[in-house]
C-alpha cells in the first residue's frame, strides 16, 4: 500500500475513560489504514471499543476520555485540531451514520431545513439545487414520497425511515470518509438491501473510504475489503475479508463466525 493512497491512517490509538473507580483502558494500541474506494469492516461484541474508535476519529469523545495516538485523514493530522477545524471537516470530509438516528437530527427543525442547510454549508448550491439533491438522495434510499419526507420533522418518522434519511444525507455530501456505525440495525431486509446497494455504489465510485462497524457479518462479508476483529479494546485479527471468513486465524474470530452459523441455522 502506497502511503499517498491511504485516506485514513489510524496509528497507535489508545483511549482511557475516567470512572469513579479510576481510569479504564477501553481502546489499546489500535492501528489500521483505509484507502479511497475501500471498505474496512470492524466486528466484535458490544463494548469492545468499536464505537469509541469511530468517535475518536471524529474527535467527538467525551471530556472524561483521554486519547493518545495519531489519526490522519488525507495526510492531515486530526489529533490536536481545534473544535472549529473539526466542525469544518465533519459533514463534508467525514460523515458519521449513527446507530441511533434520532441523535443526528434537531427535533424542532424539518428534515428539509436540516438536509438543505447541511448541503449549503459545505457547497455553493442554491436552496433549490440543494433541495433537488436531497430529493434524489431520498429516492435513492427507496423512501416513498420524498417531498413529504422533507416536510416532516424527525419525530414524525419511524426509526428505519430516519436511518435512511441520515444515510441519504451522508451520501449527498460524498465525503472522503464515511463512518457507518451499525447502519442496518433498524432496517428490515428490503431496506437493508437498499442500504447495502447504496454503499456498494459509493465504493464503486472509488473516492470515499468507508469504515463499517456492524454486528451483521453478512453485510460485512458483502461490502468489506478488509475486516478488523476487536476484542476488549484490541484488534486481535485483521485480514482481507475473503481470507478472514474462509480461514480465520484467531480463536475469537472463529467463535464469532461459529455464532453466526448457529444463528443462520436457527433462522433456516
Protein backbone atom coordinates (compact mmCIF):
# COMPACT_ATOMS: atom_id res chain seq x y z
CA UNK A 1 0.00 0.00 0.00
CA UNK A 2 1.48 3.34 -1.09
CA UNK A 3 1.33 5.93 1.72
CA UNK A 4 -0.02 8.50 -0.73
CA UNK A 5 -3.02 6.25 -1.40
CA UNK A 6 -4.01 5.97 2.27
CA UNK A 7 -7.06 8.10 3.00
CA UNK A 8 -7.41 7.29 6.72
CA UNK A 9 -4.42 6.27 8.83
CA UNK A 10 -5.02 5.38 12.49
CA UNK A 11 -1.82 4.59 14.35
CA UNK A 12 -1.40 3.55 17.98
CA UNK A 13 -4.84 4.72 19.14
CA UNK A 14 -5.35 4.42 22.90
CA UNK A 15 -8.39 5.62 24.84
CA UNK A 16 -8.77 5.77 28.60
CA UNK A 17 -12.02 6.67 30.36
CA UNK A 18 -12.20 8.31 33.80
CA UNK A 19 -14.65 6.48 36.07
CA UNK A 20 -15.47 6.54 39.78
CA UNK A 21 -13.15 3.57 40.12
CA UNK A 22 -10.23 5.22 38.31
CA UNK A 23 -9.04 5.14 34.71
CA UNK A 24 -10.23 2.32 32.48
CA UNK A 25 -8.37 1.46 29.27
CA UNK A 26 -11.07 0.94 26.63
CA UNK A 27 -9.06 1.01 23.38
CA UNK A 28 -5.48 -0.24 23.25
CA UNK A 29 -2.92 0.30 20.51
CA UNK A 30 -5.40 0.18 17.61
CA UNK A 31 -3.89 0.75 14.16
CA UNK A 32 -5.34 0.43 10.66
CA UNK A 33 -5.47 2.17 7.27
CA UNK A 34 -8.18 2.58 4.64
CA UNK A 35 -7.68 3.60 1.02
CA UNK A 36 -10.19 5.57 -1.05
CA UNK A 37 -12.78 3.28 -2.60
CA UNK A 38 -12.19 0.60 0.03
CA UNK A 39 -14.28 -0.63 2.96
CA UNK A 40 -12.84 -1.68 6.30
CA UNK A 41 -15.27 -3.63 8.45
CA UNK A 42 -14.88 -3.71 12.22
CA UNK A 43 -16.59 -6.51 14.13
CA UNK A 44 -16.68 -7.60 17.74
CA UNK A 45 -19.05 -7.94 20.66
CA UNK A 46 -20.77 -4.93 22.25
CA UNK A 47 -18.45 -2.86 24.43
CA UNK A 48 -15.24 -3.94 22.69
CA UNK A 49 -14.34 -0.38 21.61
CA UNK A 50 -15.73 -0.20 18.06
CA UNK A 51 -17.91 2.88 18.56
CA UNK A 52 -15.29 4.62 20.71
CA UNK A 53 -12.80 4.19 17.88
CA UNK A 54 -15.26 5.88 15.50
CA UNK A 55 -15.83 8.76 17.91
CA UNK A 56 -12.08 9.19 18.34
CA UNK A 57 -11.60 9.55 14.59
CA UNK A 58 -14.28 12.25 14.57
CA UNK A 59 -12.73 13.87 17.68
CA UNK A 60 -16.08 13.52 19.46
CA UNK A 61 -15.00 11.71 22.62
CA UNK A 62 -16.42 12.97 25.90
CA UNK A 63 -14.23 15.22 28.08
CA UNK A 64 -13.63 12.42 30.59
CA UNK A 65 -11.87 10.40 27.87
CA UNK A 66 -8.12 10.63 27.26
CA UNK A 67 -6.92 9.81 23.75
CA UNK A 68 -3.41 9.12 22.54
CA UNK A 69 -2.15 8.21 19.09
CA UNK A 70 -2.22 9.55 15.56
CA UNK A 71 -5.27 9.89 13.28
CA UNK A 72 -4.57 11.23 9.80
CA UNK A 73 -7.20 11.98 7.16
CA UNK A 74 -5.82 12.61 3.67
CA UNK A 75 -2.45 13.29 5.29
CA UNK A 76 -3.82 15.82 7.82
CA UNK A 77 -3.34 15.07 11.50
CA UNK A 78 -6.71 15.31 13.25
CA UNK A 79 -5.42 14.88 16.80
CA UNK A 80 -4.97 18.33 18.26
CA UNK A 81 -7.19 20.15 15.76
CA UNK A 82 -9.40 22.90 17.19
CA UNK A 83 -13.16 22.44 17.52
CA UNK A 84 -13.70 24.89 14.66
CA UNK A 85 -11.31 23.00 12.37
CA UNK A 86 -13.08 19.72 13.13
CA UNK A 87 -16.53 21.24 12.53
CA UNK A 88 -15.35 22.28 9.08
CA UNK A 89 -14.28 18.70 8.35
CA UNK A 90 -17.36 16.96 9.76
CA UNK A 91 -20.24 16.80 7.33
CA UNK A 92 -18.10 17.40 4.27
CA UNK A 93 -14.81 15.49 4.51
CA UNK A 94 -16.06 12.98 7.06
CA UNK A 95 -19.62 11.85 7.86
CA UNK A 96 -20.98 9.63 10.62
CA UNK A 97 -24.04 7.41 10.26
CA UNK A 98 -25.09 6.86 13.86
CA UNK A 99 -26.58 3.77 15.42
CA UNK A 100 -29.42 5.90 16.84
CA UNK A 101 -30.56 8.23 14.02
CA UNK A 102 -32.69 10.41 16.33
CA UNK A 103 -29.46 11.77 17.87
CA UNK A 104 -28.36 13.09 14.47
CA UNK A 105 -31.27 15.49 13.92
CA UNK A 106 -32.62 18.62 15.58
CA UNK A 107 -36.17 17.69 16.66
CA UNK A 108 -37.57 21.21 16.11
CA UNK A 109 -36.39 21.62 12.50
CA UNK A 110 -37.91 19.96 9.45
CA UNK A 111 -35.95 17.33 7.55
CA UNK A 112 -35.78 19.69 4.56
CA UNK A 113 -34.29 22.55 6.57
CA UNK A 114 -31.61 20.31 8.09
CA UNK A 115 -30.85 18.50 4.82
CA UNK A 116 -30.65 21.68 2.73
CA UNK A 117 -28.66 23.65 5.32
CA UNK A 118 -26.10 20.87 5.66
CA UNK A 119 -25.55 20.73 1.90
CA UNK A 120 -25.35 24.52 1.55
CA UNK A 121 -22.92 24.82 4.47
CA UNK A 122 -20.36 22.80 2.54
CA UNK A 123 -21.18 23.71 -1.08
CA UNK A 124 -22.10 26.72 -3.20
CA UNK A 125 -25.53 25.30 -4.10
CA UNK A 126 -28.69 27.38 -4.02
CA UNK A 127 -31.64 26.28 -1.87
CA UNK A 128 -33.41 24.89 -4.94
CA UNK A 129 -30.34 22.96 -6.07
CA UNK A 130 -29.77 21.57 -2.57
CA UNK A 131 -33.42 20.51 -2.31
CA UNK A 132 -33.21 18.72 -5.66
CA UNK A 133 -30.12 16.84 -4.47
CA UNK A 134 -31.95 15.95 -1.25
CA UNK A 135 -34.91 14.58 -3.21
CA UNK A 136 -32.68 12.46 -5.45
CA UNK A 137 -30.80 11.01 -2.47
CA UNK A 138 -34.04 10.19 -0.66
CA UNK A 139 -35.28 8.40 -3.79
CA UNK A 140 -32.01 6.51 -3.93
CA UNK A 141 -32.70 5.26 -0.40
CA UNK A 142 -36.11 3.97 -1.51
CA UNK A 143 -38.04 6.46 0.66
CA UNK A 144 -41.66 6.85 -0.52
CA UNK A 145 -42.89 10.35 -1.41
CA UNK A 146 -39.61 12.23 -0.76
CA UNK A 147 -41.39 15.62 -0.92
CA UNK A 148 -43.49 14.68 2.11
CA UNK A 149 -40.47 13.24 3.92
CA UNK A 150 -38.72 16.62 3.59
CA UNK A 151 -41.74 18.40 5.07
CA UNK A 152 -41.76 16.24 8.17
CA UNK A 153 -39.96 16.58 11.49
CA UNK A 154 -37.66 13.83 12.81
CA UNK A 155 -40.16 12.61 15.44
CA UNK A 156 -42.74 12.07 12.70
CA UNK A 157 -40.62 9.41 11.00
CA UNK A 158 -40.01 5.85 12.10
CA UNK A 159 -36.53 4.85 13.23
CA UNK A 160 -35.96 2.94 9.99
CA UNK A 161 -37.04 5.89 7.82
CA UNK A 162 -34.90 8.30 9.81
CA UNK A 163 -31.93 5.97 9.44
CA UNK A 164 -32.34 6.05 5.66
CA UNK A 165 -32.68 9.86 5.70
CA UNK A 166 -29.39 10.08 7.60
CA UNK A 167 -27.69 7.76 5.11
CA UNK A 168 -29.14 9.80 2.22
CA UNK A 169 -27.66 12.97 3.70
CA UNK A 170 -24.25 11.32 4.11
CA UNK A 171 -24.36 10.08 0.52
CA UNK A 172 -25.29 13.56 -0.72
CA UNK A 173 -22.11 15.03 0.76
CA UNK A 174 -19.85 12.42 -0.90
CA UNK A 175 -17.35 12.66 1.98
CA UNK A 176 -13.76 11.46 1.80
CA UNK A 177 -14.52 9.24 4.81
CA UNK A 178 -17.86 7.69 5.67
CA UNK A 179 -18.12 6.12 9.13
CA UNK A 180 -21.15 3.84 9.44
CA UNK A 181 -21.87 2.56 12.96
CA UNK A 182 -24.45 -0.24 12.72
CA UNK A 183 -26.19 1.35 9.69
CA UNK A 184 -28.60 -1.56 9.08
CA UNK A 185 -29.65 -2.32 12.66
CA UNK A 186 -33.08 -0.66 12.49
CA UNK A 187 -33.94 -1.84 8.97
CA UNK A 188 -35.98 -4.70 7.55
CA UNK A 189 -34.48 -6.95 4.88
CA UNK A 190 -35.75 -4.87 1.94
CA UNK A 191 -34.34 -1.59 3.24
CA UNK A 192 -31.20 -3.32 4.45
CA UNK A 193 -30.61 -4.32 0.82
CA UNK A 194 -31.18 -0.71 -0.27
CA UNK A 195 -28.50 0.49 2.14
CA UNK A 196 -26.04 -2.20 1.05
CA UNK A 197 -26.54 -1.22 -2.60
CA UNK A 198 -26.06 2.48 -1.76
CA UNK A 199 -22.74 1.67 -0.05
CA UNK A 200 -21.76 -0.51 -2.98
CA UNK A 201 -22.37 2.42 -5.34
CA UNK A 202 -20.23 4.76 -3.22
CA UNK A 203 -17.50 2.13 -3.13
CA UNK A 204 -17.61 1.72 -6.91
CA UNK A 205 -17.12 5.46 -7.41
CA UNK A 206 -13.76 4.98 -5.73
CA UNK A 207 -13.40 8.33 -3.94
CA UNK A 208 -14.73 7.55 -0.46
CA UNK A 209 -13.24 5.32 2.21
CA UNK A 210 -15.84 3.56 4.35
CA UNK A 211 -15.36 2.42 7.94
CA UNK A 212 -18.20 -0.03 8.54
CA UNK A 213 -18.99 -1.15 12.09
CA UNK A 214 -21.62 -3.88 12.26
CA UNK A 215 -22.82 -6.94 14.13
CA UNK A 216 -24.26 -8.08 10.81
CA UNK A 217 -21.49 -10.28 9.47
CA UNK A 218 -23.43 -10.83 6.25
CA UNK A 219 -23.27 -7.08 5.48
CA UNK A 220 -19.58 -7.04 6.40
CA UNK A 221 -18.95 -10.02 4.13
CA UNK A 222 -20.77 -8.35 1.23
CA UNK A 223 -19.09 -4.95 1.46
CA UNK A 224 -15.76 -5.09 3.27
CA UNK A 225 -12.43 -5.43 1.52
CA UNK A 226 -10.69 -5.95 4.85
CA UNK A 227 -12.02 -6.86 8.30
CA UNK A 228 -10.66 -5.97 11.73
CA UNK A 229 -11.81 -8.05 14.70
CA UNK A 230 -11.88 -6.26 18.05
CA UNK A 231 -11.94 -7.87 21.47
CA UNK A 232 -11.75 -5.96 24.75
CA UNK A 233 -10.34 -2.83 23.11
CA UNK A 234 -7.74 -4.51 20.92
CA UNK A 235 -7.62 -5.63 17.30
CA UNK A 236 -6.89 -9.34 17.55
CA UNK A 237 -7.02 -10.06 13.83
CA UNK A 238 -7.11 -8.01 10.65
CA UNK A 239 -7.21 -9.62 7.21
CA UNK A 240 -8.79 -9.41 3.75
CA UNK A 241 -12.50 -10.26 4.06
CA UNK A 242 -12.30 -13.38 1.86
CA UNK A 243 -9.42 -14.74 3.93
CA UNK A 244 -10.96 -13.91 7.30
CA UNK A 245 -14.31 -15.53 6.51
CA UNK A 246 -12.82 -18.66 4.99
CA UNK A 247 -9.69 -19.14 7.10
CA UNK A 248 -9.82 -17.17 10.38
CA UNK A 249 -6.63 -17.32 12.45
CA UNK A 250 -7.67 -16.07 15.89
CA UNK A 251 -9.83 -18.19 18.20
CA UNK A 252 -12.11 -15.24 18.93
CA UNK A 253 -12.74 -14.72 15.20
CA UNK A 254 -13.63 -18.39 14.89
CA UNK A 255 -16.12 -18.00 17.77
CA UNK A 256 -17.79 -15.02 16.05
CA UNK A 257 -18.13 -16.92 12.79
CA UNK A 258 -19.40 -20.03 14.57
CA UNK A 259 -22.04 -17.93 16.35
CA UNK A 260 -23.12 -16.55 13.00
CA UNK A 261 -23.51 -20.04 11.54
CA UNK A 262 -25.58 -21.17 14.54
CA UNK A 263 -27.86 -18.13 14.22
CA UNK A 264 -28.32 -18.75 10.48
CA UNK A 265 -29.15 -22.42 11.06
CA UNK A 266 -31.83 -21.45 13.61
CA UNK A 267 -33.38 -18.97 11.16
CA UNK A 268 -33.29 -21.60 8.44
